[in-house]
Amino acid sequence: MTTDVYDAIVARRTMRDFAPEPVARDVLRRILGAGLKAPSHDHLRDWRFVSVEAPEMRETLVSFFRRPRTDDELGALLDGWGMQDACQRAMYHDAIPKQASMLLTAGALIVPCFRQDEPLLAEKTSLHELNAFASIWAAIENVLIAAASEGVFGVTKIISGPDERDHVRRTLGIPDAYEIPCYLALGCPAQDAVWNEQIPIDLADRLHVDRWTAP
């Protein structure tokens, strides 16, 4: 199934509840191929995708961060993050408990990697030093839009820091020269999947012409 690009962008929604079937290999190849069509800062597009298929490998990966939380603990966490918007809080309240399950049950679990010769989290003096990091996210967005055009939905889980990055790297044998921005879980939605409400945004409220204008 393919759709108009604007329809695919509108259809792209974050999905954390997956049906139990894998993403067909030919569909997955098309989706990841779309990622490789994204622009990169150095024209080389030195990106790699690790497809994690073995259940025991997925279990090893999520063991690093899996931790049950009560509703009260979740509420306190969101309070600590300063979240006040009800729609935003509802999304996080649904998302945080599913961080492990969504990676374990996804029809495809992809770990995107990008070439990063200097330490990513070292002190930066210029935004140019983040070019490689910015470029991989262009590739990831291509993947998500292409997936939506195929009736496949997904979600990312950010790699939280060097310790988690090193755990993923050791588990999957990823070379030191490559950084890992996130997990990318893809699949068809479960019948009872939760679709979080999106915050409505009017372009007229966000578009400034020539000068930034106060609301």
C-alpha atoms as a PDB file:
ATOM      1  CA  MET A   1       0.000   0.000   0.000  1.00  0.00           C
ATOM      2  CA  THR A   2       1.343   3.430  -0.909  1.00  0.00           C
ATOM      3  CA  THR A   3      -0.172   6.871  -0.375  1.00  0.00           C
ATOM      4  CA  ASP A   4       0.462  10.471  -1.300  1.00  0.00           C
ATOM      5  CA  VAL A   5       3.351  11.943   0.706  1.00  0.00           C
ATOM      6  CA  TYR A   6       1.097  14.456   2.464  1.00  0.00           C
ATOM      7  CA  ASP A   7      -1.327  11.686   3.398  1.00  0.00           C
ATOM      8  CA  ALA A   8       1.580   9.647   4.779  1.00  0.00           C
ATOM      9  CA  ILE A   9       2.784  12.584   6.885  1.00  0.00           C
ATOM     10  CA  VAL A  10      -0.704  13.037   8.342  1.00  0.00           C
ATOM     11  CA  ALA A  11      -1.078   9.266   8.865  1.00  0.00           C
ATOM     12  CA  ARG A  12       2.233   8.986  10.727  1.00  0.00           C
ATOM     13  CA  ARG A  13       1.367   8.489  14.377  1.00  0.00           C
ATOM     14  CA  THR A  14       3.341   7.191  17.311  1.00  0.00           C
ATOM     15  CA  MET A  15       2.445   3.559  18.031  1.00  0.00           C
ATOM     16  CA  ARG A  16       3.415   1.536  21.127  1.00  0.00           C
ATOM     17  CA  ASP A  17       0.911  -1.356  20.953  1.00  0.00           C
ATOM     18  CA  PHE A  18       1.822  -3.812  18.227  1.00  0.00           C
ATOM     19  CA  ALA A  19       0.056  -6.731  16.587  1.00  0.00           C
ATOM     20  CA  PRO A  20       1.967 -10.030  16.947  1.00  0.00           C
ATOM     21  CA  GLU A  21       3.087 -10.394  13.329  1.00  0.00           C
ATOM     22  CA  PRO A  22       6.488  -9.333  11.948  1.00  0.00           C
ATOM     23  CA  VAL A  23       6.872  -6.600   9.351  1.00  0.00           C
ATOM     24  CA  ALA A  24       7.247  -8.343   5.975  1.00  0.00           C
ATOM     25  CA  ARG A  25      10.875  -8.307   4.882  1.00  0.00           C
ATOM     26  CA  ASP A  26      10.174  -6.655   1.523  1.00  0.00           C
ATOM     27  CA  VAL A  27       8.164  -3.917   3.269  1.00  0.00           C
ATOM     28  CA  LEU A  28      10.936  -3.392   5.812  1.00  0.00           C
ATOM     29  CA  ARG A  29      13.514  -3.115   3.046  1.00  0.00           C
ATOM     30  CA  ARG A  30      11.443  -0.438   1.296  1.00  0.00           C
ATOM     31  CA  ILE A  31      10.982   1.478   4.543  1.00  0.00           C
ATOM     32  CA  LEU A  32      14.681   1.421   5.453  1.00  0.00           C
ATOM     33  CA  GLY A  33      15.607   2.206   1.852  1.00  0.00           C
ATOM     34  CA  ALA A  34      13.554   5.393   2.190  1.00  0.00           C
ATOM     35  CA  GLY A  35      15.678   6.266   5.210  1.00  0.00           C
ATOM     36  CA  LEU A  36      18.798   6.031   3.088  1.00  0.00           C
ATOM     37  CA  LYS A  37      17.340   8.648   0.710  1.00  0.00           C
ATOM     38  CA  ALA A  38      17.516  11.367   3.400  1.00  0.00           C
ATOM     39  CA  PRO A  39      20.088  14.160   3.091  1.00  0.00           C
ATOM     40  CA  SER A  40      23.280  14.039   5.135  1.00  0.00           C
ATOM     41  CA  HIS A  41      25.688  16.747   6.215  1.00  0.00           C
ATOM     42  CA  ASP A  42      28.706  15.216   4.421  1.00  0.00           C
ATOM     43  CA  HIS A  43      26.939  13.619   1.423  1.00  0.00           C
ATOM     44  CA  LEU A  44      28.195  10.161   2.469  1.00  0.00           C
ATOM     45  CA  ARG A  45      25.112   8.962   4.401  1.00  0.00           C
ATOM     46  CA  ASP A  46      27.270   6.700   6.529  1.00  0.00           C
ATOM     47  CA  TRP A  47      24.329   5.137   8.343  1.00  0.00           C
ATOM     48  CA  ARG A  48      23.719   1.525   9.326  1.00  0.00           C
ATOM     49  CA  PHE A  49      20.588  -0.254  10.554  1.00  0.00           C
ATOM     50  CA  VAL A  50      20.732  -3.246  12.902  1.00  0.00           C
ATOM     51  CA  SER A  51      17.552  -5.350  12.781  1.00  0.00           C
ATOM     52  CA  VAL A  52      17.142  -7.107  16.143  1.00  0.00           C
ATOM     53  CA  GLU A  53      15.035 -10.199  15.534  1.00  0.00           C
ATOM     54  CA  ALA A  54      16.022 -12.783  18.176  1.00  0.00           C
ATOM     55  CA  PRO A  55      13.751 -12.514  21.264  1.00  0.00           C
ATOM     56  CA  GLU A  56      16.664 -13.182  23.619  1.00  0.00           C
ATOM     57  CA  MET A  57      18.604 -10.279  22.095  1.00  0.00           C
ATOM     58  CA  ARG A  58      15.658  -7.955  22.649  1.00  0.00           C
ATOM     59  CA  GLU A  59      15.343  -9.154  26.241  1.00  0.00           C
ATOM     60  CA  THR A  60      19.011  -8.391  26.832  1.00  0.00           C
ATOM     61  CA  LEU A  61      18.622  -4.897  25.418  1.00  0.00           C
ATOM     62  CA  VAL A  62      15.564  -3.903  27.466  1.00  0.00           C
ATOM     63  CA  SER A  63      17.003  -5.377  30.669  1.00  0.00           C
ATOM     64  CA  PHE A  64      19.114  -2.228  30.945  1.00  0.00           C
ATOM     65  CA  PHE A  65      16.182   0.127  31.552  1.00  0.00           C
ATOM     66  CA  ARG A  66      13.101  -1.979  32.365  1.00  0.00           C
ATOM     67  CA  ARG A  67      11.653  -0.833  35.678  1.00  0.00           C
ATOM     68  CA  PRO A  68       8.007  -1.034  36.842  1.00  0.00           C
ATOM     69  CA  ARG A  69       6.506   2.171  38.242  1.00  0.00           C
ATOM     70  CA  THR A  70       3.279   2.778  40.135  1.00  0.00           C
ATOM     71  CA  ASP A  71       0.839   5.463  39.005  1.00  0.00           C
ATOM     72  CA  ASP A  72       1.986   7.631  41.899  1.00  0.00           C
ATOM     73  CA  GLU A  73       5.626   7.228  40.871  1.00  0.00           C
ATOM     74  CA  LEU A  74       4.739   8.130  37.286  1.00  0.00           C
ATOM     75  CA  GLY A  75       2.871  11.215  38.431  1.00  0.00           C
ATOM     76  CA  ALA A  76       5.779  12.318  40.588  1.00  0.00           C
ATOM     77  CA  LEU A  77       8.171  11.799  37.676  1.00  0.00           C
ATOM     78  CA  LEU A  78       6.071  13.971  35.373  1.00  0.00           C
ATOM     79  CA  ASP A  79       5.732  16.600  38.091  1.00  0.00           C
ATOM     80  CA  GLY A  80       9.506  16.622  38.426  1.00  0.00           C
ATOM     81  CA  TRP A  81       9.788  17.229  34.690  1.00  0.00           C
ATOM     82  CA  GLY A  82       7.469  20.229  35.036  1.00  0.00           C
ATOM     83  CA  MET A  83       4.762  18.792  32.762  1.00  0.00           C
ATOM     84  CA  GLN A  84       1.494  20.712  33.137  1.00  0.00           C
ATOM     85  CA  ASP A  85      -0.326  20.130  29.828  1.00  0.00           C
ATOM     86  CA  ALA A  86      -2.941  17.377  30.263  1.00  0.00           C
ATOM     87  CA  CYS A  87      -2.484  16.004  26.738  1.00  0.00           C
ATOM     88  CA  GLN A  88       1.288  15.809  27.178  1.00  0.00           C
ATOM     89  CA  ARG A  89       0.955  14.113  30.574  1.00  0.00           C
ATOM     90  CA  ALA A  90      -1.498  11.539  29.185  1.00  0.00           C
ATOM     91  CA  MET A  91       0.945  10.636  26.430  1.00  0.00           C
ATOM     92  CA  TYR A  92       3.846  10.132  28.834  1.00  0.00           C
ATOM     93  CA  HIS A  93       1.651   8.267  31.308  1.00  0.00           C
ATOM     94  CA  ASP A  94       0.853   5.785  28.528  1.00  0.00           C
ATOM     95  CA  ALA A  95       4.356   5.739  27.042  1.00  0.00           C
ATOM     96  CA  ILE A  96       6.701   5.219  29.977  1.00  0.00           C
ATOM     97  CA  PRO A  97       5.275   1.860  31.154  1.00  0.00           C
ATOM     98  CA  LYS A  98       5.445   0.566  27.562  1.00  0.00           C
ATOM     99  CA  GLN A  99       9.099   1.362  26.844  1.00  0.00           C
ATOM    100  CA  ALA A 100      10.147  -2.261  27.281  1.00  0.00           C
ATOM    101  CA  SER A 101       7.041  -4.005  25.930  1.00  0.00           C
ATOM    102  CA  MET A 102       6.987  -1.975  22.722  1.00  0.00           C
ATOM    103  CA  LEU A 103      10.544  -3.047  21.884  1.00  0.00           C
ATOM    104  CA  LEU A 104       9.845  -6.674  22.742  1.00  0.00           C
ATOM    105  CA  THR A 105       6.631  -6.942  20.703  1.00  0.00           C
ATOM    106  CA  ALA A 106       7.394  -4.715  17.694  1.00  0.00           C
ATOM    107  CA  GLY A 107       7.112  -6.378  14.300  1.00  0.00           C
ATOM    108  CA  ALA A 108      10.567  -4.979  13.577  1.00  0.00           C
ATOM    109  CA  LEU A 109      13.097  -3.525  16.000  1.00  0.00           C
ATOM    110  CA  ILE A 110      15.720  -1.382  14.319  1.00  0.00           C
ATOM    111  CA  VAL A 111      18.783   0.219  15.875  1.00  0.00           C
ATOM    112  CA  PRO A 112      19.960   3.064  13.597  1.00  0.00           C
ATOM    113  CA  CYS A 113      23.648   4.014  13.758  1.00  0.00           C
ATOM    114  CA  PHE A 114      25.622   6.921  12.345  1.00  0.00           C
ATOM    115  CA  ARG A 115      29.324   7.568  11.921  1.00  0.00           C
ATOM    116  CA  GLN A 116      30.616   9.842  14.679  1.00  0.00           C
ATOM    117  CA  ASP A 117      34.398  10.139  14.861  1.00  0.00           C
ATOM    118  CA  GLU A 118      34.436  12.585  17.803  1.00  0.00           C
ATOM    119  CA  PRO A 119      32.576  11.958  21.085  1.00  0.00           C
ATOM    120  CA  LEU A 120      28.983  13.061  20.598  1.00  0.00           C
ATOM    121  CA  LEU A 121      28.427  14.222  24.177  1.00  0.00           C
ATOM    122  CA  ALA A 122      31.690  16.140  24.514  1.00  0.00           C
ATOM    123  CA  GLU A 123      31.471  19.907  25.019  1.00  0.00           C
ATOM    124  CA  LYS A 124      30.455  21.527  21.742  1.00  0.00           C
ATOM    125  CA  THR A 125      31.502  24.953  20.487  1.00  0.00           C
ATOM    126  CA  SER A 126      29.432  24.984  17.277  1.00  0.00           C
ATOM    127  CA  LEU A 127      26.170  23.503  16.016  1.00  0.00           C
ATOM    128  CA  HIS A 128      28.178  22.163  13.064  1.00  0.00           C
ATOM    129  CA  GLU A 129      29.548  19.545  15.445  1.00  0.00           C
ATOM    130  CA  LEU A 130      26.032  18.081  15.681  1.00  0.00           C
ATOM    131  CA  ASN A 131      25.616  17.676  11.914  1.00  0.00           C
ATOM    132  CA  ALA A 132      25.933  13.887  11.935  1.00  0.00           C
ATOM    133  CA  PHE A 133      23.397  13.610  14.770  1.00  0.00           C
ATOM    134  CA  ALA A 134      20.953  15.892  12.933  1.00  0.00           C
ATOM    135  CA  SER A 135      21.347  13.933   9.700  1.00  0.00           C
ATOM    136  CA  ILE A 136      20.426  10.540  11.188  1.00  0.00           C
ATOM    137  CA  TRP A 137      17.170  12.032  12.472  1.00  0.00           C
ATOM    138  CA  ALA A 138      16.307  13.092   8.920  1.00  0.00           C
ATOM    139  CA  ALA A 139      16.790   9.432   7.942  1.00  0.00           C
ATOM    140  CA  ILE A 140      14.633   8.246  10.861  1.00  0.00           C
ATOM    141  CA  GLU A 141      11.799  10.593   9.902  1.00  0.00           C
ATOM    142  CA  ASN A 142      11.962   9.284   6.328  1.00  0.00           C
ATOM    143  CA  VAL A 143      11.591   5.770   7.733  1.00  0.00           C
ATOM    144  CA  LEU A 144       8.567   6.732   9.838  1.00  0.00           C
ATOM    145  CA  ILE A 145       6.800   8.476   6.952  1.00  0.00           C
ATOM    146  CA  ALA A 146       7.537   5.615   4.553  1.00  0.00           C
ATOM    147  CA  ALA A 147       6.280   3.168   7.177  1.00  0.00           C
ATOM    148  CA  ALA A 148       2.995   5.082   7.518  1.00  0.00           C
ATOM    149  CA  SER A 149       2.515   4.853   3.755  1.00  0.00           C
ATOM    150  CA  GLU A 150       2.692   1.051   4.151  1.00  0.00           C
ATOM    151  CA  GLY A 151       0.250   0.900   7.071  1.00  0.00           C
ATOM    152  CA  VAL A 152       3.134   0.370   9.498  1.00  0.00           C
ATOM    153  CA  PHE A 153       3.578   2.607  12.529  1.00  0.00           C
ATOM    154  CA  GLY A 154       6.415   3.147  14.913  1.00  0.00           C
ATOM    155  CA  VAL A 155       7.991   4.808  17.881  1.00  0.00           C
ATOM    156  CA  THR A 156      11.475   5.791  18.962  1.00  0.00           C
ATOM    157  CA  LYS A 157      13.077   5.327  22.346  1.00  0.00           C
ATOM    158  CA  ILE A 158      16.026   7.630  22.877  1.00  0.00           C
ATOM    159  CA  ILE A 159      19.280   6.101  24.098  1.00  0.00           C
ATOM    160  CA  SER A 160      19.530   7.863  27.447  1.00  0.00           C
ATOM    161  CA  GLY A 161      23.286   8.228  27.810  1.00  0.00           C
ATOM    162  CA  PRO A 162      26.735   6.645  27.483  1.00  0.00           C
ATOM    163  CA  ASP A 163      25.974   3.685  29.764  1.00  0.00           C
ATOM    164  CA  GLU A 164      22.915   2.605  27.786  1.00  0.00           C
ATOM    165  CA  ARG A 165      24.728   3.330  24.508  1.00  0.00           C
ATOM    166  CA  ASP A 166      27.608   1.068  25.596  1.00  0.00           C
ATOM    167  CA  HIS A 167      25.155  -1.683  26.612  1.00  0.00           C
ATOM    168  CA  VAL A 168      23.540  -1.597  23.171  1.00  0.00           C
ATOM    169  CA  ARG A 169      26.934  -1.454  21.499  1.00  0.00           C
ATOM    170  CA  ARG A 170      28.258  -4.490  23.393  1.00  0.00           C
ATOM    171  CA  THR A 171      25.073  -6.504  22.880  1.00  0.00           C
ATOM    172  CA  LEU A 172      24.911  -5.907  19.133  1.00  0.00           C
ATOM    173  CA  GLY A 173      28.634  -5.642  18.340  1.00  0.00           C
ATOM    174  CA  ILE A 174      28.386  -2.075  17.017  1.00  0.00           C
ATOM    175  CA  PRO A 175      31.820  -0.522  16.343  1.00  0.00           C
ATOM    176  CA  ASP A 176      33.019   2.371  18.507  1.00  0.00           C
ATOM    177  CA  ALA A 177      33.068   4.712  15.506  1.00  0.00           C
ATOM    178  CA  TYR A 178      29.248   4.605  15.296  1.00  0.00           C
ATOM    179  CA  GLU A 179      26.803   6.372  17.592  1.00  0.00           C
ATOM    180  CA  ILE A 180      23.323   5.070  18.446  1.00  0.00           C
ATOM    181  CA  PRO A 181      20.604   7.733  18.764  1.00  0.00           C
ATOM    182  CA  CYS A 182      17.602   5.567  19.571  1.00  0.00           C
ATOM    183  CA  TYR A 183      15.671   2.367  19.210  1.00  0.00           C
ATOM    184  CA  LEU A 184      13.132   2.375  16.370  1.00  0.00           C
ATOM    185  CA  ALA A 185      10.186  -0.011  16.869  1.00  0.00           C
ATOM    186  CA  LEU A 186       7.892  -0.648  13.895  1.00  0.00           C
ATOM    187  CA  GLY A 187       4.790  -2.740  13.353  1.00  0.00           C
ATOM    188  CA  CYS A 188       1.087  -2.954  12.662  1.00  0.00           C
ATOM    189  CA  PRO A 189      -1.174  -1.680  15.436  1.00  0.00           C
ATOM    190  CA  ALA A 190      -2.791  -4.103  17.866  1.00  0.00           C
ATOM    191  CA  GLN A 191      -6.593  -4.214  17.837  1.00  0.00           C
ATOM    192  CA  ASP A 192      -6.703  -2.430  21.192  1.00  0.00           C
ATOM    193  CA  ALA A 193      -3.858  -0.031  20.408  1.00  0.00           C
ATOM    194  CA  VAL A 194      -3.852   3.318  22.182  1.00  0.00           C
ATOM    195  CA  TRP A 195      -3.642   6.320  19.873  1.00  0.00           C
ATOM    196  CA  ASN A 196      -2.593   9.276  21.987  1.00  0.00           C
ATOM    197  CA  GLU A 197      -4.318  12.547  21.242  1.00  0.00           C
ATOM    198  CA  GLN A 198      -2.099  15.020  19.424  1.00  0.00           C
ATOM    199  CA  ILE A 199      -1.925  18.611  20.599  1.00  0.00           C
ATOM    200  CA  PRO A 200      -3.616  20.693  17.860  1.00  0.00           C
ATOM    201  CA  ILE A 201      -1.340  23.289  16.327  1.00  0.00           C
ATOM    202  CA  ASP A 202      -2.419  26.007  13.895  1.00  0.00           C
ATOM    203  CA  LEU A 203       0.304  27.067  11.466  1.00  0.00           C
ATOM    204  CA  ALA A 204      -0.958  30.638  11.701  1.00  0.00           C
ATOM    205  CA  ASP A 205       0.186  30.647  15.335  1.00  0.00           C
ATOM    206  CA  ARG A 206       3.687  29.455  14.454  1.00  0.00           C
ATOM    207  CA  LEU A 207       4.504  31.260  11.191  1.00  0.00           C
ATOM    208  CA  HIS A 208       6.353  34.591  11.366  1.00  0.00           C
ATOM    209  CA  VAL A 209       7.058  36.632   8.225  1.00  0.00           C
ATOM    210  CA  ASP A 210      10.165  38.847   8.163  1.00  0.00           C
ATOM    211  CA  ARG A 211      10.092  39.406  11.934  1.00  0.00           C
ATOM    212  CA  TRP A 212       9.028  37.433  14.999  1.00  0.00           C
ATOM    213  CA  THR A 213       5.656  38.804  16.048  1.00  0.00           C
ATOM    214  CA  ALA A 214       4.130  38.514  19.507  1.00  0.00           C
ATOM    215  CA  PRO A 215       0.933  36.408  19.773  1.00  0.00           C
END
